[in-house]
Amino acid sequence: MIDWELVHDLGNIDKNEEITRVSTNYMRSDQNTTAAIDPSLDEQLTKFARSPQTGVWNYLDKQQIINDIRDRLNNPYQIQQGEQPFCGPAAVVFELIRKQPDRYINICQNLYEHGSFEGYTKKIVADGRLCRSYGNLRMPQADWMILATLRDCANKIVPVHPKAPKVVRELGGITKPWEISGWVRELLGYPQAKSHPTPISGEFRALQEADSTIKAGGVAFALINSQGLLGNNSFLAARFHRIYPNHWVTILGNISIEPQTKITRKNKNSIITFDIYSWGRKIHVNTDTAAIKDFFWGVTVGK
């Protein structure tokens, strides 16, 4: 099984341009609504702002980070990978903001002030090299601080650095299913985190597992080929995109398979729909069994 994101993670492609190439297999739905944050969260954020502790990130601005955090508390869809290949950690942190906003603030404050935070079973520590790094982050500062830390801590060979060449940044951004499972446990606290790969078959069962998990209060993340499932592809391009996954998305729910039957290449009548978070947007996927067989590589769930 090819279970990695590969290097073509849309790192330097304009996400607005990519999303607006609407095809028959999905519709775009921007999420622009905001809501006032809970008073307790506002108080927690105010304490962070007034904390006299000096930050360990030499080139990040505390006030800007606090502004970024507030924006994401108002609207979790504000977080996104920008022009970095951080879709894996972005998908998980999106759910952290939605489900545990107080913990999100706590993690950001500890990361900024101490360069580390306590996971549910282990401590996550940002490398001093990462804290001292500077350059074009290609994303908001609060997002960079947490997403780059998660991605860098998971890397064994390729370090994360904003000044790294494109190919190095993309290699450093590859996220594996077991890393998603680890973040689900450490950030979100779900003790049961497991992956359901679908390199050859099992898409129907994987989507059913995602559906039941979300309805029970859990989380689900899908590994896809973004250009294949969400793009407007020619025949040759579609065949090329079948061979590798390259993007993680958060499955939000509204999963429907009509008629309810096993997903196979011979069964071309079922229509599959579901909502996802990706690139700072809510996207409604409306596709068929052939596209799911070709471009859907599995799910990782936490419950």
Protein backbone atom coordinates (compact mmCIF):
# COMPACT_ATOMS: atom_id res chain seq x y z
CA MET A 1 0.00 0.00 0.00
CA ILE A 2 1.13 3.52 -0.76
CA ASP A 3 0.17 5.23 2.48
CA TRP A 4 1.96 8.55 2.20
CA GLU A 5 0.90 11.95 0.97
CA LEU A 6 3.67 12.08 -1.65
CA VAL A 7 5.38 15.29 -2.58
CA HIS A 8 2.62 16.85 -4.64
CA ASP A 9 0.58 18.26 -1.75
CA LEU A 10 -0.42 21.47 -3.50
CA GLY A 11 2.35 23.23 -1.57
CA ASN A 12 2.72 26.17 -3.95
CA ILE A 13 -0.61 25.98 -5.78
CA ASP A 14 -3.04 28.77 -5.07
CA LYS A 15 -5.74 27.09 -2.98
CA ASN A 16 -8.46 29.47 -4.10
CA GLU A 17 -7.70 28.69 -7.71
CA GLU A 18 -7.70 24.96 -6.99
CA ILE A 19 -11.00 24.99 -5.15
CA THR A 20 -12.82 27.20 -7.64
CA ARG A 21 -12.24 24.69 -10.45
CA VAL A 22 -15.67 23.26 -9.66
CA SER A 23 -16.47 19.97 -11.38
CA THR A 24 -19.53 17.75 -11.37
CA ASN A 25 -18.23 15.67 -8.49
CA TYR A 26 -18.17 18.32 -5.76
CA MET A 27 -19.55 21.67 -4.74
CA ARG A 28 -17.78 24.37 -2.77
CA SER A 29 -19.24 25.79 0.39
CA ASP A 30 -17.23 28.55 2.04
CA GLN A 31 -17.56 28.82 5.78
CA ASN A 32 -17.53 32.51 6.63
CA THR A 33 -19.78 32.53 9.67
CA THR A 34 -18.31 33.60 12.99
CA ALA A 35 -19.63 33.60 16.54
CA ALA A 36 -18.58 35.33 19.73
CA ILE A 37 -16.32 33.10 21.78
CA ASP A 38 -17.35 31.76 25.18
CA PRO A 39 -16.52 34.17 28.04
CA SER A 40 -14.36 31.53 29.73
CA LEU A 41 -12.30 31.17 26.56
CA ASP A 42 -12.00 34.93 26.28
CA GLU A 43 -10.75 35.04 29.88
CA GLN A 44 -8.23 32.28 29.17
CA LEU A 45 -6.97 34.15 26.12
CA THR A 46 -6.71 37.39 28.11
CA LYS A 47 -4.54 35.62 30.69
CA PHE A 48 -2.28 34.43 27.89
CA ALA A 49 -2.02 38.01 26.59
CA ARG A 50 -1.13 39.33 30.06
CA SER A 51 1.35 36.58 30.89
CA PRO A 52 4.84 38.03 31.50
CA GLN A 53 6.52 34.85 30.28
CA THR A 54 8.88 35.51 27.36
CA GLY A 55 8.29 33.44 24.26
CA VAL A 56 10.85 30.97 22.93
CA TRP A 57 9.96 31.54 19.26
CA ASN A 58 12.46 34.23 18.31
CA TYR A 59 10.68 35.53 15.22
CA LEU A 60 7.01 35.12 16.12
CA ASP A 61 4.89 37.98 17.48
CA LYS A 62 2.83 37.19 20.58
CA GLN A 63 0.04 39.65 19.83
CA GLN A 64 -0.31 38.33 16.30
CA ILE A 65 -0.49 34.77 17.60
CA ILE A 66 -3.22 35.77 20.07
CA ASN A 67 -5.14 37.51 17.27
CA ASP A 68 -4.82 34.36 15.14
CA ILE A 69 -6.06 32.18 18.00
CA ARG A 70 -9.07 34.44 18.57
CA ASP A 71 -9.95 34.29 14.87
CA ARG A 72 -9.89 30.48 15.01
CA LEU A 73 -11.99 30.37 18.16
CA ASN A 74 -14.54 32.53 16.39
CA ASN A 75 -14.38 30.34 13.29
CA PRO A 76 -12.35 27.09 13.24
CA TYR A 77 -12.34 27.16 9.44
CA GLN A 78 -9.78 29.96 9.67
CA ILE A 79 -7.02 27.42 10.29
CA GLN A 80 -5.41 26.06 7.16
CA GLN A 81 -2.13 24.79 5.80
CA GLY A 82 -1.55 27.88 3.66
CA GLU A 83 1.20 27.11 1.16
CA GLN A 84 2.82 24.49 3.37
CA PRO A 85 2.24 20.73 3.00
CA PHE A 86 0.70 20.48 6.48
CA CYS A 87 -2.75 19.13 5.60
CA GLY A 88 -2.40 16.20 8.04
CA PRO A 89 -1.82 18.21 11.22
CA ALA A 90 -4.21 20.94 10.00
CA ALA A 91 -7.04 18.40 9.75
CA VAL A 92 -6.47 17.23 13.34
CA VAL A 93 -5.99 20.71 14.84
CA PHE A 94 -9.21 21.82 13.13
CA GLU A 95 -11.04 19.23 15.24
CA LEU A 96 -9.09 20.28 18.33
CA ILE A 97 -10.37 23.84 17.92
CA ARG A 98 -13.94 22.67 17.32
CA LYS A 99 -14.12 20.14 20.15
CA GLN A 100 -11.64 21.38 22.77
CA PRO A 101 -11.06 25.12 22.26
CA ASP A 102 -9.77 25.58 25.82
CA ARG A 103 -7.12 22.93 25.23
CA TYR A 104 -6.21 24.60 21.92
CA ILE A 105 -5.46 27.86 23.77
CA ASN A 106 -3.48 25.99 26.42
CA ILE A 107 -1.40 24.17 23.81
CA CYS A 108 -0.65 27.38 21.92
CA GLN A 109 0.33 29.25 25.08
CA ASN A 110 2.64 26.47 26.27
CA LEU A 111 4.18 26.13 22.82
CA TYR A 112 4.84 29.86 22.63
CA GLU A 113 6.16 30.26 26.16
CA HIS A 114 7.97 26.95 26.70
CA GLY A 115 8.30 25.33 23.27
CA SER A 116 6.35 22.28 24.39
CA PHE A 117 2.98 21.02 25.57
CA GLU A 118 1.64 17.97 27.35
CA GLY A 119 -0.08 15.42 25.16
CA TYR A 120 -2.44 12.92 26.74
CA THR A 121 0.32 10.31 27.07
CA LYS A 122 3.56 12.14 26.29
CA LYS A 123 5.16 15.55 26.03
CA ILE A 124 5.45 17.19 22.61
CA VAL A 125 8.59 19.34 22.34
CA ALA A 126 9.41 21.76 19.53
CA ASP A 127 13.04 21.54 18.45
CA GLY A 128 15.10 24.64 19.33
CA ARG A 129 16.12 24.82 15.68
CA LEU A 130 12.46 25.20 14.72
CA CYS A 131 11.87 27.88 17.37
CA ARG A 132 14.82 29.88 16.00
CA SER A 133 13.83 29.49 12.35
CA TYR A 134 12.57 32.41 10.29
CA GLY A 135 11.59 33.21 6.73
CA ASN A 136 8.42 33.14 4.67
CA LEU A 137 6.12 30.97 6.77
CA ARG A 138 3.48 30.88 4.01
CA MET A 139 0.75 30.75 6.65
CA PRO A 140 -0.41 32.63 9.78
CA GLN A 141 1.93 32.54 12.77
CA ALA A 142 -0.32 30.61 15.18
CA ASP A 143 -0.93 27.94 12.54
CA TRP A 144 2.78 27.69 11.77
CA MET A 145 3.71 27.32 15.43
CA ILE A 146 1.47 24.32 16.11
CA LEU A 147 1.38 22.66 12.68
CA ALA A 148 5.13 22.93 12.08
CA THR A 149 5.79 21.55 15.57
CA LEU A 150 3.58 18.51 15.00
CA ARG A 151 5.03 17.88 11.57
CA ASP A 152 8.65 18.38 12.67
CA CYS A 153 8.30 16.13 15.74
CA ALA A 154 6.98 13.33 13.53
CA ASN A 155 9.84 13.63 11.04
CA LYS A 156 12.83 11.37 11.52
CA ILE A 157 15.02 12.55 8.64
CA VAL A 158 13.75 15.74 6.99
CA PRO A 159 13.46 18.74 9.36
CA VAL A 160 10.81 21.43 8.88
CA HIS A 161 12.18 24.87 8.04
CA PRO A 162 10.53 27.82 6.24
CA LYS A 163 13.66 28.47 4.18
CA ALA A 164 14.01 24.89 2.99
CA PRO A 165 13.84 24.27 -0.77
CA LYS A 166 10.44 23.31 -2.12
CA VAL A 167 11.23 19.63 -2.54
CA VAL A 168 12.58 19.42 1.03
CA ARG A 169 9.50 21.19 2.42
CA GLU A 170 7.23 18.81 0.57
CA LEU A 171 9.14 15.74 1.70
CA GLY A 172 9.03 17.06 5.25
CA GLY A 173 5.25 17.49 4.97
CA ILE A 174 4.43 13.85 4.23
CA THR A 175 1.94 12.54 6.80
CA LYS A 176 1.37 8.84 7.40
CA PRO A 177 -1.83 7.27 8.81
CA TRP A 178 -0.12 6.22 12.06
CA GLU A 179 0.92 9.85 12.61
CA ILE A 180 -2.70 10.96 12.29
CA SER A 181 -3.60 8.26 14.83
CA GLY A 182 -0.90 9.54 17.18
CA TRP A 183 -2.13 13.13 16.98
CA VAL A 184 -5.71 11.96 17.53
CA ARG A 185 -4.58 10.35 20.78
CA GLU A 186 -2.19 13.07 21.97
CA LEU A 187 -4.10 16.20 20.98
CA LEU A 188 -7.72 15.04 21.10
CA GLY A 189 -7.45 12.34 23.75
CA TYR A 190 -9.33 9.61 21.88
CA PRO A 191 -7.90 6.32 23.23
CA GLN A 192 -9.11 4.32 20.23
CA ALA A 193 -7.47 5.57 17.05
CA LYS A 194 -7.08 3.29 14.09
CA SER A 195 -6.74 3.41 10.32
CA HIS A 196 -8.79 1.67 7.66
CA PRO A 197 -6.68 1.66 4.47
CA THR A 198 -8.48 1.04 1.18
CA PRO A 199 -5.77 0.52 -1.46
CA ILE A 200 -7.79 -2.19 -3.23
CA SER A 201 -11.15 -2.50 -1.49
CA GLY A 202 -13.04 -1.66 1.69
CA GLU A 203 -14.24 1.85 0.84
CA PHE A 204 -17.83 1.05 1.84
CA ARG A 205 -16.78 -0.28 5.25
CA ALA A 206 -14.37 2.64 5.78
CA LEU A 207 -17.08 5.22 5.08
CA GLN A 208 -19.52 3.35 7.32
CA GLU A 209 -16.92 3.35 10.11
CA ALA A 210 -16.38 7.09 9.62
CA ASP A 211 -20.14 7.68 9.72
CA SER A 212 -20.75 5.70 12.90
CA THR A 213 -17.68 7.24 14.58
CA ILE A 214 -18.75 10.82 13.86
CA LYS A 215 -22.33 10.14 15.00
CA ALA A 216 -20.94 8.75 18.27
CA GLY A 217 -18.94 11.95 18.88
CA GLY A 218 -15.63 10.82 17.41
CA VAL A 219 -13.53 12.12 14.54
CA ALA A 220 -12.65 10.82 11.09
CA PHE A 221 -9.99 11.81 8.58
CA ALA A 222 -9.71 10.67 4.97
CA LEU A 223 -6.61 10.19 2.82
CA ILE A 224 -7.40 11.07 -0.78
CA ASN A 225 -5.93 12.22 -4.04
CA SER A 226 -7.21 15.79 -4.00
CA GLN A 227 -6.90 16.50 -7.72
CA GLY A 228 -8.65 13.24 -8.56
CA LEU A 229 -11.53 13.47 -6.08
CA LEU A 230 -11.99 17.24 -6.01
CA GLY A 231 -10.55 18.42 -9.32
CA ASN A 232 -11.79 18.67 -12.87
CA ASN A 233 -9.66 16.07 -14.62
CA SER A 234 -9.13 14.95 -18.15
CA PHE A 235 -9.11 11.21 -18.87
CA LEU A 236 -5.30 11.00 -18.78
CA ALA A 237 -4.99 13.17 -15.67
CA ALA A 238 -7.54 11.06 -13.85
CA ARG A 239 -5.57 7.91 -14.65
CA PHE A 240 -2.39 9.50 -13.31
CA HIS A 241 -4.02 10.64 -10.06
CA ARG A 242 -5.29 7.12 -9.36
CA ILE A 243 -1.82 5.90 -8.42
CA TYR A 244 -1.11 7.87 -5.24
CA PRO A 245 -2.77 9.67 -2.31
CA ASN A 246 -1.63 13.21 -1.52
CA HIS A 247 -4.02 14.95 0.86
CA TRP A 248 -5.67 14.56 4.28
CA VAL A 249 -9.13 15.99 4.94
CA THR A 250 -11.44 16.03 7.95
CA ILE A 251 -14.71 14.20 7.34
CA LEU A 252 -17.47 16.32 8.87
CA GLY A 253 -20.40 13.96 8.33
CA ASN A 254 -23.54 13.86 6.17
CA ILE A 255 -22.25 10.61 4.67
CA SER A 256 -24.66 9.03 2.24
CA ILE A 257 -24.33 6.08 -0.16
CA GLU A 258 -27.37 5.62 -2.39
CA PRO A 259 -28.30 2.93 -3.03
CA GLN A 260 -26.66 1.25 -0.05
CA THR A 261 -24.47 -1.35 -1.69
CA LYS A 262 -20.86 -2.45 -1.84
CA ILE A 263 -18.55 -0.05 -3.69
CA THR A 264 -17.02 -1.89 -6.66
CA ARG A 265 -15.87 -0.94 -10.13
CA LYS A 266 -18.79 -2.85 -11.62
CA ASN A 267 -21.28 -1.01 -9.44
CA LYS A 268 -21.49 2.39 -11.10
CA ASN A 269 -24.93 3.38 -9.88
CA SER A 270 -24.28 4.43 -6.29
CA ILE A 271 -23.85 8.12 -5.50
CA ILE A 272 -21.65 8.94 -2.51
CA THR A 273 -21.91 12.26 -0.72
CA PHE A 274 -20.23 13.65 2.40
CA ASP A 275 -18.90 16.90 3.85
CA ILE A 276 -15.22 17.59 4.46
CA TYR A 277 -12.97 20.32 5.83
CA SER A 278 -10.00 21.21 3.63
CA TRP A 279 -8.01 24.36 2.77
CA GLY A 280 -9.98 26.46 5.24
CA ARG A 281 -13.33 25.53 3.72
CA LYS A 282 -16.27 23.19 4.08
CA ILE A 283 -16.66 21.19 0.87
CA HIS A 284 -19.63 19.02 -0.06
CA VAL A 285 -18.42 16.02 -2.04
CA ASN A 286 -20.94 14.53 -4.44
CA THR A 287 -19.38 11.76 -6.46
CA ASP A 288 -19.77 8.19 -7.71
CA THR A 289 -18.31 4.79 -6.94
CA ALA A 290 -15.67 5.01 -9.65
CA ALA A 291 -14.16 8.18 -8.16
CA ILE A 292 -14.18 6.69 -4.66
CA LYS A 293 -12.46 3.53 -5.90
CA ASP A 294 -9.82 5.57 -7.72
CA PHE A 295 -9.12 8.47 -5.36
CA PHE A 296 -10.18 7.45 -1.83
CA TRP A 297 -7.37 5.72 0.06
CA GLY A 298 -8.82 5.16 3.49
CA VAL A 299 -9.85 6.72 6.78
CA THR A 300 -8.36 7.14 10.24
CA VAL A 301 -10.87 7.41 13.07
CA GLY A 302 -10.71 8.35 16.73
CA LYS A 303 -13.35 7.41 19.28
